[in-house]
Structure formats: structure tokens, C-alpha cells
Amino acid sequence: MGAIASFLSLVIWLFVIVVLVRVAFSWLSPMATNPVSRFAFLITEPVLAPVRRLLPPVSGMDLSPLVVTLACYFVIHALGFVV
């Protein structure tokens, strides 16, 4: 069970990194012309879109990456107790 929890933690950490890459690219270049930016969009959009529908923008800012990242941190922390 510990190996599965460790693997899931690693996958979630990688997902958090991809979310942060997407946020950085959205600040630098809002149009997804870079292959890395397109990859980050394809990986994160299925998770961010439902959160975006539930959470309205605050002063024009999309807070869904923040909510998803915090949720990932909580899941990683909870998986730490399994290991």
C-alpha cells in the first residue's frame, strides 16, 4: 500500500508542476503557441475546467489553479499518512 501511495504522491506532484508551468505560460504568453504550453493545457484543463465553473473569477483573475494546487497539497499530505 505504501508503494502505491508514494507513486500517487509523485504523480500529483508532477501534476502540480504542470499546473505551475501553465500559470507561468499564461502570464508570459496567453496564446498557447508553444508545445510545452499546449501540453500543460491539455493535461490540466480537464481538472481546472470544473473548478472554474464552480468558482467565479475574482477581479478578472482565475483562481482555479490555486484551488486545484491546494487540493493537491492536501491529498499529498493525506497520502503521507498512508506511507
Protein backbone atom coordinates (compact mmCIF):
# COMPACT_ATOMS: atom_id res chain seq x y z
CA MET A 1 0.00 0.00 0.00
CA GLY A 2 2.89 2.34 0.75
CA ALA A 3 4.33 1.98 -2.75
CA ILE A 4 1.00 2.91 -4.32
CA ALA A 5 0.66 5.95 -2.06
CA SER A 6 4.21 7.05 -2.89
CA PHE A 7 3.56 6.66 -6.59
CA LEU A 8 0.31 8.65 -6.35
CA SER A 9 2.12 11.38 -4.43
CA LEU A 10 4.73 11.57 -7.17
CA VAL A 11 2.08 11.77 -9.89
CA ILE A 12 0.24 14.52 -8.02
CA TRP A 13 3.47 16.46 -7.51
CA LEU A 14 4.15 16.24 -11.24
CA PHE A 15 0.61 17.49 -11.90
CA VAL A 16 1.19 20.46 -9.57
CA ILE A 17 4.36 21.30 -11.50
CA VAL A 18 2.43 21.17 -14.78
CA VAL A 19 -0.23 23.49 -13.29
CA LEU A 20 2.51 25.94 -12.27
CA VAL A 21 4.02 25.76 -15.76
CA ARG A 22 0.60 26.51 -17.23
CA VAL A 23 0.16 29.51 -14.93
CA ALA A 24 3.61 30.85 -15.85
CA PHE A 25 2.90 30.46 -19.57
CA SER A 26 -0.49 32.18 -19.17
CA TRP A 27 1.31 35.20 -17.73
CA LEU A 28 4.05 35.25 -20.36
CA SER A 29 2.17 34.23 -23.47
CA PRO A 30 -1.62 33.86 -23.18
CA MET A 31 -1.92 32.20 -26.61
CA ALA A 32 -0.90 28.54 -26.49
CA THR A 33 1.57 28.51 -29.37
CA ASN A 34 4.41 26.80 -27.51
CA PRO A 35 4.28 22.96 -27.46
CA VAL A 36 5.01 22.92 -23.72
CA SER A 37 2.16 25.35 -23.12
CA ARG A 38 -0.21 23.24 -25.23
CA PHE A 39 0.83 20.10 -23.35
CA ALA A 40 0.26 21.80 -19.98
CA PHE A 41 -3.16 22.99 -21.19
CA LEU A 42 -4.18 19.50 -22.35
CA ILE A 43 -3.09 17.89 -19.08
CA THR A 44 -4.58 20.43 -16.68
CA GLU A 45 -7.76 21.60 -18.41
CA PRO A 46 -9.87 18.51 -17.51
CA VAL A 47 -9.20 19.24 -13.83
CA LEU A 48 -9.28 23.05 -13.92
CA ALA A 49 -12.46 23.43 -16.02
CA PRO A 50 -14.92 22.01 -13.44
CA VAL A 51 -13.35 24.14 -10.69
CA ARG A 52 -13.54 27.19 -12.96
CA ARG A 53 -17.26 26.56 -13.50
CA LEU A 54 -17.87 26.45 -9.73
CA LEU A 55 -15.59 29.35 -8.81
CA PRO A 56 -16.28 32.71 -10.47
CA PRO A 57 -13.33 34.92 -11.42
CA VAL A 58 -12.26 37.38 -8.73
CA SER A 59 -11.34 40.79 -10.19
CA GLY A 60 -10.72 39.09 -13.53
CA MET A 61 -8.33 36.52 -12.06
CA ASP A 62 -8.86 32.80 -12.50
CA LEU A 63 -8.36 31.18 -9.10
CA SER A 64 -8.90 27.60 -10.25
CA PRO A 65 -5.14 26.79 -10.41
CA LEU A 66 -4.80 27.96 -6.80
CA VAL A 67 -7.74 25.84 -5.63
CA VAL A 68 -6.53 22.76 -7.51
CA THR A 69 -2.97 23.19 -6.22
CA LEU A 70 -4.18 23.50 -2.63
CA ALA A 71 -6.37 20.42 -3.07
CA CYS A 72 -3.36 18.52 -4.44
CA TYR A 73 -1.28 19.56 -1.42
CA PHE A 74 -3.97 18.26 0.93
CA VAL A 75 -4.14 14.94 -0.95
CA ILE A 76 -0.34 14.62 -0.90
CA HIS A 77 -0.33 15.31 2.83
CA ALA A 78 -3.06 12.73 3.40
CA LEU A 79 -1.14 10.17 1.33
CA GLY A 80 1.87 10.82 3.55
CA PHE A 81 -0.01 9.27 6.44
CA VAL A 82 -0.59 6.11 4.41
CA VAL A 83 3.09 5.60 3.67
